[in-house]
Amino acid sequence: MLEKRSKSRTGLNSPAPFAKADIDERLYLGTIEKGLLVLDTFCANPRPMTLAEVSEASGLNKSATQRVLYTLRALRYLTHSETTRQYSLSARAMDIGNAYLRSNPIVEATFPYLLEANKRSQETVNLTELDGSDIIFISRVPSRNVMSSYVTVGARLPAFATAPGRAILANLDADSANAILKGSSLLAITPHTMTSRQKLLKELEKVRQEGFAIANQEAMLGDISTAAPVFGYDNRVVAAVNIAASTANWTPERVEAELSPITVEIARQMSKVVSQYRRT
């Protein structure tokens, strides 16, 4: 579960903590946890790092870090420069994420609807899922507008500060939504980010009643977004579709009048398709 990451004294980001479910210690492998912790460290710091930097950011001692780095390098998940003594993620690290996208039937089933929304709006259209307290972008059709925000598939943003995140949170049961907000840092990402828990709860109620959410420069400056929930099997919210545009071209009022109806309609069409897939 990714939150606002803490920084070390050297400016490195530490991997976000995550809540462990009930664990059977007889089956739990701490060595795998250490390996994934190191990979998470590279996710939190997308740049080459030395052994000392990985050790500091991950919290592992240097001996354990060295063994994990050696193993991941041997398995070709990392590369190592003999000149700079730095480690980097290899192209093979993309395989797991790519396999997830290929194994998720929602991605393929909804793509034609993303294309339709993009054609009608002429703006960027995204499909996102909730992962912990973040949304993660799992499909995307970008706008040709040079002023559109740069976000890649696999990118994460705090759910509370985004339109798709709020569209999903608003349609969870109250206990689940409250738990996610309580577990979120609620730190301002931009000067426009809503950080009051009470205001967010009121906003989620509004989203639930209206069927769509709008976030104006709360996660990224210059970006305004409207989103609607996508429902799956048993009418449970499983994703959100959003249209993202530039504040240089769009006002909140115009987004609500022109883009929100497209988002809601596309989300309903997606829900009819996605509801056929039962996912655990």
Protein backbone atom coordinates (compact mmCIF):
# COMPACT_ATOMS: atom_id res chain seq x y z
CA MET A 1 0.00 0.00 0.00
CA LEU A 2 1.76 3.13 -1.16
CA GLU A 3 1.56 6.32 0.84
CA LYS A 4 3.49 9.55 0.80
CA ARG A 5 6.99 8.21 1.13
CA SER A 6 9.41 9.40 3.77
CA LYS A 7 12.80 10.72 2.72
CA SER A 8 16.13 9.82 4.20
CA ARG A 9 18.73 12.41 5.15
CA THR A 10 20.23 12.08 1.68
CA GLY A 11 16.89 12.67 -0.03
CA LEU A 12 16.19 9.04 -0.91
CA ASN A 13 12.61 7.81 -0.76
CA SER A 14 11.86 4.84 1.46
CA PRO A 15 9.45 2.21 0.12
CA ALA A 16 5.96 2.82 1.43
CA PRO A 17 4.91 0.59 4.30
CA PHE A 18 2.09 -1.87 3.77
CA ALA A 19 -0.22 -3.57 6.20
CA LYS A 20 0.37 -7.29 6.45
CA ALA A 21 -2.70 -9.45 6.69
CA ASP A 22 -2.82 -12.37 9.09
CA ILE A 23 0.41 -14.22 8.38
CA ASP A 24 1.24 -17.83 8.98
CA GLU A 25 4.88 -17.55 10.00
CA ARG A 26 5.42 -21.19 9.04
CA LEU A 27 4.78 -20.33 5.41
CA TYR A 28 6.02 -16.75 5.24
CA LEU A 29 9.44 -16.34 3.57
CA GLY A 30 11.34 -13.36 4.89
CA THR A 31 13.96 -13.73 2.15
CA ILE A 32 11.35 -13.05 -0.52
CA GLU A 33 10.14 -10.06 1.48
CA LYS A 34 13.67 -8.62 1.46
CA GLY A 35 13.97 -9.14 -2.29
CA LEU A 36 10.69 -7.40 -2.98
CA LEU A 37 11.61 -4.64 -0.54
CA VAL A 38 14.70 -3.90 -2.61
CA LEU A 39 12.65 -3.86 -5.82
CA ASP A 40 10.17 -1.51 -4.11
CA THR A 41 13.12 0.70 -3.22
CA PHE A 42 13.91 1.09 -6.91
CA CYS A 43 10.23 1.85 -7.56
CA ALA A 44 10.38 4.61 -4.94
CA ASN A 45 13.65 5.93 -6.43
CA PRO A 46 13.51 5.46 -10.22
CA ARG A 47 17.20 6.03 -10.84
CA PRO A 48 20.50 4.16 -10.49
CA MET A 49 21.64 3.62 -6.89
CA THR A 50 24.72 2.36 -5.10
CA LEU A 51 24.66 -0.45 -2.55
CA ALA A 52 24.87 2.10 0.26
CA GLU A 53 21.93 4.06 -1.11
CA VAL A 54 19.76 0.96 -1.49
CA SER A 55 20.67 -0.10 2.04
CA GLU A 56 19.77 3.30 3.47
CA ALA A 57 16.49 3.65 1.59
CA SER A 58 15.32 0.08 2.20
CA GLY A 59 16.37 -0.09 5.83
CA LEU A 60 18.23 -3.36 5.29
CA ASN A 61 21.78 -3.70 6.56
CA LYS A 62 24.54 -3.62 3.98
CA SER A 63 25.25 -7.34 4.19
CA ALA A 64 21.64 -8.31 3.47
CA THR A 65 21.39 -5.63 0.79
CA GLN A 66 24.49 -6.91 -0.95
CA ARG A 67 23.15 -10.46 -1.08
CA VAL A 68 19.77 -9.34 -2.41
CA LEU A 69 21.36 -7.09 -5.06
CA TYR A 70 23.66 -9.91 -6.16
CA THR A 71 20.72 -12.33 -6.46
CA LEU A 72 18.52 -9.91 -8.38
CA ARG A 73 21.42 -9.12 -10.69
CA ALA A 74 22.04 -12.84 -11.25
CA LEU A 75 18.35 -13.28 -12.09
CA ARG A 76 18.61 -10.33 -14.52
CA TYR A 77 16.16 -8.08 -12.69
CA LEU A 78 18.97 -5.59 -12.05
CA THR A 79 21.98 -4.35 -13.97
CA HIS A 80 25.23 -3.10 -12.46
CA SER A 81 27.71 -0.55 -13.73
CA GLU A 82 31.33 -1.34 -12.93
CA THR A 83 32.17 2.31 -13.60
CA THR A 84 29.68 4.03 -11.29
CA ARG A 85 29.08 1.04 -8.96
CA GLN A 86 25.36 1.72 -9.32
CA TYR A 87 22.49 -0.72 -9.75
CA SER A 88 19.48 -0.14 -11.99
CA LEU A 89 16.29 -2.00 -12.83
CA SER A 90 16.62 -4.04 -16.01
CA ALA A 91 14.09 -4.34 -18.81
CA ARG A 92 13.13 -7.73 -17.38
CA ALA A 93 11.59 -5.92 -14.39
CA MET A 94 8.76 -4.92 -16.74
CA ASP A 95 7.70 -8.54 -17.25
CA ILE A 96 5.61 -8.86 -14.08
CA GLY A 97 3.64 -5.68 -14.71
CA ASN A 98 3.12 -6.60 -18.35
CA ALA A 99 1.92 -10.07 -17.34
CA TYR A 100 -0.61 -8.48 -14.97
CA LEU A 101 -2.01 -6.29 -17.74
CA ARG A 102 -2.25 -9.26 -20.12
CA SER A 103 -3.94 -11.43 -17.49
CA ASN A 104 -6.48 -8.77 -16.45
CA PRO A 105 -9.53 -9.25 -18.70
CA ILE A 106 -10.82 -5.79 -17.81
CA VAL A 107 -7.96 -4.11 -19.65
CA GLU A 108 -8.73 -5.69 -23.02
CA ALA A 109 -12.50 -5.60 -22.61
CA THR A 110 -12.65 -1.88 -21.85
CA PHE A 111 -10.09 -0.58 -24.34
CA PRO A 112 -12.60 0.05 -27.18
CA TYR A 113 -14.57 2.28 -24.79
CA LEU A 114 -11.45 4.25 -23.89
CA LEU A 115 -10.91 4.83 -27.60
CA GLU A 116 -14.51 6.00 -27.98
CA ALA A 117 -14.20 8.43 -25.06
CA ASN A 118 -10.94 9.74 -26.47
CA LYS A 119 -12.52 10.25 -29.88
CA ARG A 120 -15.49 12.12 -28.42
CA SER A 121 -13.56 14.27 -25.98
CA GLN A 122 -10.26 14.68 -27.87
CA GLU A 123 -8.63 14.42 -24.45
CA THR A 124 -6.66 11.80 -22.52
CA VAL A 125 -8.72 8.90 -21.17
CA ASN A 126 -7.50 6.55 -18.43
CA LEU A 127 -8.65 3.38 -16.69
CA THR A 128 -7.50 3.03 -13.09
CA GLU A 129 -7.82 0.49 -10.29
CA LEU A 130 -7.50 0.94 -6.55
CA ASP A 131 -4.45 -0.63 -4.92
CA GLY A 132 -4.26 0.04 -1.21
CA SER A 133 -4.70 3.79 -0.85
CA ASP A 134 -3.45 4.53 -4.37
CA ILE A 135 -4.93 4.41 -7.80
CA ILE A 136 -2.82 2.74 -10.44
CA PHE A 137 -3.18 3.46 -14.15
CA ILE A 138 -3.80 0.21 -16.03
CA SER A 139 -4.84 1.50 -19.46
CA ARG A 140 -4.58 4.82 -21.23
CA VAL A 141 -5.37 6.56 -24.52
CA PRO A 142 -3.47 9.87 -24.61
CA SER A 143 -4.61 13.12 -26.14
CA ARG A 144 -2.76 14.62 -29.05
CA ASN A 145 -2.81 17.88 -27.14
CA VAL A 146 0.79 18.82 -26.31
CA MET A 147 -0.42 20.30 -23.02
CA SER A 148 -1.79 17.01 -21.69
CA SER A 149 -0.20 15.67 -18.50
CA TYR A 150 2.44 12.97 -18.79
CA VAL A 151 1.35 9.82 -16.96
CA THR A 152 2.32 6.28 -17.90
CA VAL A 153 0.57 2.96 -17.42
CA GLY A 154 1.68 1.66 -14.03
CA ALA A 155 1.92 5.11 -12.46
CA ARG A 156 0.38 5.63 -9.03
CA LEU A 157 -1.32 8.56 -7.36
CA PRO A 158 -2.97 8.88 -3.94
CA ALA A 159 -6.64 8.01 -4.40
CA PHE A 160 -7.92 10.78 -2.12
CA ALA A 161 -6.45 13.50 -4.35
CA THR A 162 -7.72 12.26 -7.72
CA ALA A 163 -11.04 12.14 -9.51
CA PRO A 164 -10.84 8.39 -10.32
CA GLY A 165 -9.76 7.65 -6.76
CA ARG A 166 -12.75 9.50 -5.37
CA ALA A 167 -15.08 7.85 -7.87
CA ILE A 168 -13.95 4.47 -6.52
CA LEU A 169 -13.85 5.45 -2.83
CA ALA A 170 -17.35 6.93 -3.03
CA ASN A 171 -18.74 3.59 -4.13
CA LEU A 172 -17.02 1.39 -1.56
CA ASP A 173 -18.80 0.54 1.66
CA ALA A 174 -18.37 3.27 4.28
CA ASP A 175 -16.05 1.22 6.49
CA SER A 176 -13.67 0.45 3.63
CA ALA A 177 -13.58 4.05 2.41
CA ASN A 178 -12.99 5.34 5.94
CA ALA A 179 -10.20 2.83 6.50
CA ILE A 180 -8.45 3.93 3.31
CA LEU A 181 -8.70 7.60 4.23
CA LYS A 182 -7.43 6.88 7.73
CA GLY A 183 -4.50 5.00 6.26
CA SER A 184 -3.66 7.80 3.82
CA SER A 185 -1.22 10.55 4.71
CA LEU A 186 -3.57 13.26 3.34
CA LEU A 187 -0.60 15.49 2.60
CA ALA A 188 -0.94 18.27 0.04
CA ILE A 189 0.52 17.37 -3.35
CA THR A 190 -0.26 20.79 -4.85
CA PRO A 191 -1.61 24.02 -3.31
CA HIS A 192 -5.06 22.85 -4.44
CA THR A 193 -5.12 19.42 -2.77
CA MET A 194 -8.04 18.80 -0.42
CA THR A 195 -6.51 17.37 2.75
CA SER A 196 -9.31 17.68 5.32
CA ARG A 197 -10.78 14.27 6.07
CA GLN A 198 -14.19 15.76 6.83
CA LYS A 199 -14.23 17.72 3.56
CA LEU A 200 -13.18 14.60 1.69
CA LEU A 201 -16.03 12.59 3.23
CA LYS A 202 -18.48 15.30 2.13
CA GLU A 203 -16.94 15.27 -1.33
CA LEU A 204 -17.30 11.49 -1.55
CA GLU A 205 -20.98 11.79 -0.64
CA LYS A 206 -21.42 14.35 -3.43
CA VAL A 207 -19.64 12.04 -5.88
CA ARG A 208 -21.87 9.15 -4.82
CA GLN A 209 -25.00 11.21 -5.46
CA GLU A 210 -23.92 12.78 -8.76
CA GLY A 211 -22.23 9.72 -10.22
CA PHE A 212 -18.98 11.43 -11.15
CA ALA A 213 -16.03 13.22 -9.57
CA ILE A 214 -14.02 16.27 -10.61
CA ALA A 215 -10.56 17.12 -9.30
CA ASN A 216 -9.00 20.41 -10.30
CA GLN A 217 -5.19 20.48 -10.05
CA GLU A 218 -5.21 18.46 -6.83
CA ALA A 219 -2.69 15.82 -7.89
CA MET A 220 -0.97 17.63 -10.76
CA LEU A 221 -0.80 21.33 -11.52
CA GLY A 222 -2.46 22.22 -14.80
CA ASP A 223 -4.54 19.03 -14.85
CA ILE A 224 -8.30 18.83 -14.41
CA SER A 225 -10.02 15.47 -14.42
CA THR A 226 -13.48 14.00 -14.27
CA ALA A 227 -14.13 10.35 -13.46
CA ALA A 228 -16.92 7.82 -13.03
CA PRO A 229 -16.95 4.38 -11.38
CA VAL A 230 -16.91 1.09 -13.26
CA PHE A 231 -18.82 -1.73 -11.61
CA GLY A 232 -18.07 -5.42 -11.96
CA TYR A 233 -19.48 -8.70 -10.78
CA ASP A 234 -22.04 -8.36 -7.95
CA ASN A 235 -22.21 -4.62 -8.73
CA ARG A 236 -18.97 -3.93 -6.86
CA VAL A 237 -16.82 -1.01 -7.96
CA VAL A 238 -13.69 -2.39 -9.62
CA ALA A 239 -12.22 0.57 -11.49
CA ALA A 240 -12.79 4.11 -12.67
CA VAL A 241 -12.57 5.77 -16.06
CA ASN A 242 -11.47 9.38 -16.23
CA ILE A 243 -10.95 12.07 -18.81
CA ALA A 244 -8.00 14.34 -18.04
CA ALA A 245 -7.57 17.75 -19.63
CA SER A 246 -5.50 20.90 -19.30
CA THR A 247 -6.69 23.84 -17.22
CA ALA A 248 -5.36 26.03 -20.00
CA ASN A 249 -8.26 24.84 -22.15
CA TRP A 250 -10.93 23.76 -19.69
CA THR A 251 -12.75 25.28 -16.70
CA PRO A 252 -14.41 23.11 -14.02
CA GLU A 253 -17.81 24.27 -15.25
CA ARG A 254 -17.08 23.28 -18.83
CA VAL A 255 -15.62 19.93 -17.73
CA GLU A 256 -18.80 19.16 -15.78
CA ALA A 257 -21.04 20.19 -18.68
CA GLU A 258 -19.15 18.51 -21.53
CA LEU A 259 -16.75 15.84 -20.26
CA SER A 260 -18.49 14.42 -17.19
CA PRO A 261 -21.51 13.17 -19.22
CA ILE A 262 -19.15 11.33 -21.58
CA THR A 263 -17.32 9.79 -18.64
CA VAL A 264 -20.53 8.60 -16.97
CA GLU A 265 -21.88 7.13 -20.20
CA ILE A 266 -18.63 5.32 -21.00
CA ALA A 267 -18.40 4.00 -17.44
CA ARG A 268 -21.91 2.53 -17.72
CA GLN A 269 -21.03 0.84 -21.00
CA MET A 270 -17.86 -0.55 -19.46
CA SER A 271 -19.76 -1.83 -16.43
CA LYS A 272 -22.04 -3.91 -18.65
CA VAL A 273 -19.00 -5.66 -20.10
CA VAL A 274 -16.87 -5.86 -16.95
CA SER A 275 -19.71 -7.32 -14.88
CA GLN A 276 -19.31 -10.54 -16.87
CA TYR A 277 -15.90 -11.16 -15.33
CA ARG A 278 -15.67 -12.51 -11.82
CA ARG A 279 -12.32 -11.72 -10.21
CA THR A 280 -11.05 -12.79 -6.82
